[in-house]
Protein backbone atom coordinates (compact mmCIF):
# COMPACT_ATOMS: atom_id res chain seq x y z
CA MET A 1 0.02 0.36 0.20
CA ARG A 2 1.02 3.30 -1.18
CA ASP A 3 0.73 6.31 1.28
CA ILE A 4 -1.35 8.91 -0.38
CA ALA A 5 -0.16 12.18 -0.33
CA THR A 6 -1.93 15.46 -0.64
CA CYS A 7 -1.12 18.37 -4.10
CA SER A 8 -0.52 21.51 -2.65
CA SER A 9 -2.16 23.51 -5.21
CA CYS A 10 -5.02 21.71 -6.85
CA LYS A 11 -5.12 19.35 -2.91
CA ALA A 12 -6.10 16.21 -5.29
CA LYS A 13 -4.78 12.97 -4.07
CA ILE A 14 -1.09 12.23 -5.02
CA ILE A 15 1.17 9.46 -5.14
CA TRP A 16 5.23 9.77 -5.09
CA ALA A 17 7.85 8.13 -7.47
CA LYS A 18 10.82 8.26 -9.38
CA SER A 19 11.33 8.87 -12.25
CA VAL A 20 14.03 7.05 -14.86
CA ASN A 21 16.23 9.97 -13.82
CA GLY A 22 15.68 9.28 -10.21
CA LYS A 23 13.82 12.39 -8.58
CA ALA A 24 10.53 12.39 -7.74
CA MET A 25 7.55 12.80 -9.31
CA PRO A 26 3.80 12.61 -8.10
CA MET A 27 1.71 10.36 -9.31
CA ASP A 28 -2.33 10.31 -9.23
CA ALA A 29 -3.37 8.64 -6.79
CA GLU A 30 -6.27 6.53 -8.39
CA PRO A 31 -4.84 4.46 -11.45
CA ASN A 32 -6.96 5.69 -15.06
CA ARG A 33 -7.09 2.36 -17.32
CA ASP A 34 -7.72 5.28 -20.57
CA ARG A 35 -5.57 8.35 -19.65
CA GLY A 36 -2.85 6.24 -17.84
CA THR A 37 0.99 5.85 -19.10
CA PHE A 38 2.71 5.27 -16.43
CA ARG A 39 3.17 1.49 -14.36
CA LEU A 40 4.83 1.47 -11.41
CA ASP A 41 6.89 -1.12 -9.66
CA GLY A 42 8.15 -0.11 -6.96
CA ASP A 43 8.56 2.57 -6.25
CA ARG A 44 9.50 3.57 -9.66
CA ALA A 45 7.16 5.06 -12.96
CA ILE A 46 7.74 2.97 -15.46
CA TYR A 47 6.40 4.69 -19.04
CA ILE A 48 4.11 2.71 -21.09
CA LYS A 49 2.66 3.45 -24.53
CA ARG A 50 -1.38 3.37 -25.09
CA ASP A 51 -1.35 0.59 -27.38
CA ASP A 52 1.56 -1.44 -24.97
CA VAL A 53 0.09 -4.72 -24.18
CA TYR A 54 -0.27 -4.24 -19.88
CA ASP A 55 -2.61 -5.47 -18.22
CA GLY A 56 -2.05 -4.18 -15.27
CA PRO A 57 -2.41 -0.83 -13.08
CA ARG A 58 -2.02 2.58 -15.46
CA TYR A 59 -1.30 5.79 -12.99
CA GLU A 60 -1.05 9.61 -15.13
CA SER A 61 1.02 11.96 -13.93
CA HIS A 62 -0.15 14.69 -11.54
CA PHE A 63 1.87 16.95 -13.77
CA ALA A 64 -0.79 16.22 -16.68
CA THR A 65 -4.09 16.94 -14.85
CA CYS A 66 -2.89 19.31 -12.37
CA PRO A 67 -5.00 22.81 -13.05
CA ASN A 68 -2.26 24.65 -11.57
CA SER A 69 1.20 22.93 -12.97
CA ARG A 70 2.96 25.64 -14.34
CA LYS A 71 3.51 26.76 -11.18
CA HIS A 72 5.19 23.34 -9.54
CA ARG A 73 7.52 23.54 -13.11
CA LYS A 74 11.04 24.56 -12.81
CA LYS A 75 12.96 27.57 -15.02
CA LEU A 76 15.03 27.05 -17.80
């Protein structure tokens, strides 16, 4: 069971995973079979294409769904 956190700006339920680069990545806490593009392997978020054969839960990055994601992006 994963610890559920809350997005600081939109208050949605999220879980934290690590990207392939080892950085913390917020994920929507509820799997989304239609829109999810990640599977979780332990604490790692693994990208999967929508048409890949994968029957497990698919999660969506919270950066893609948060209405306030722009204010959390780092400036380059």
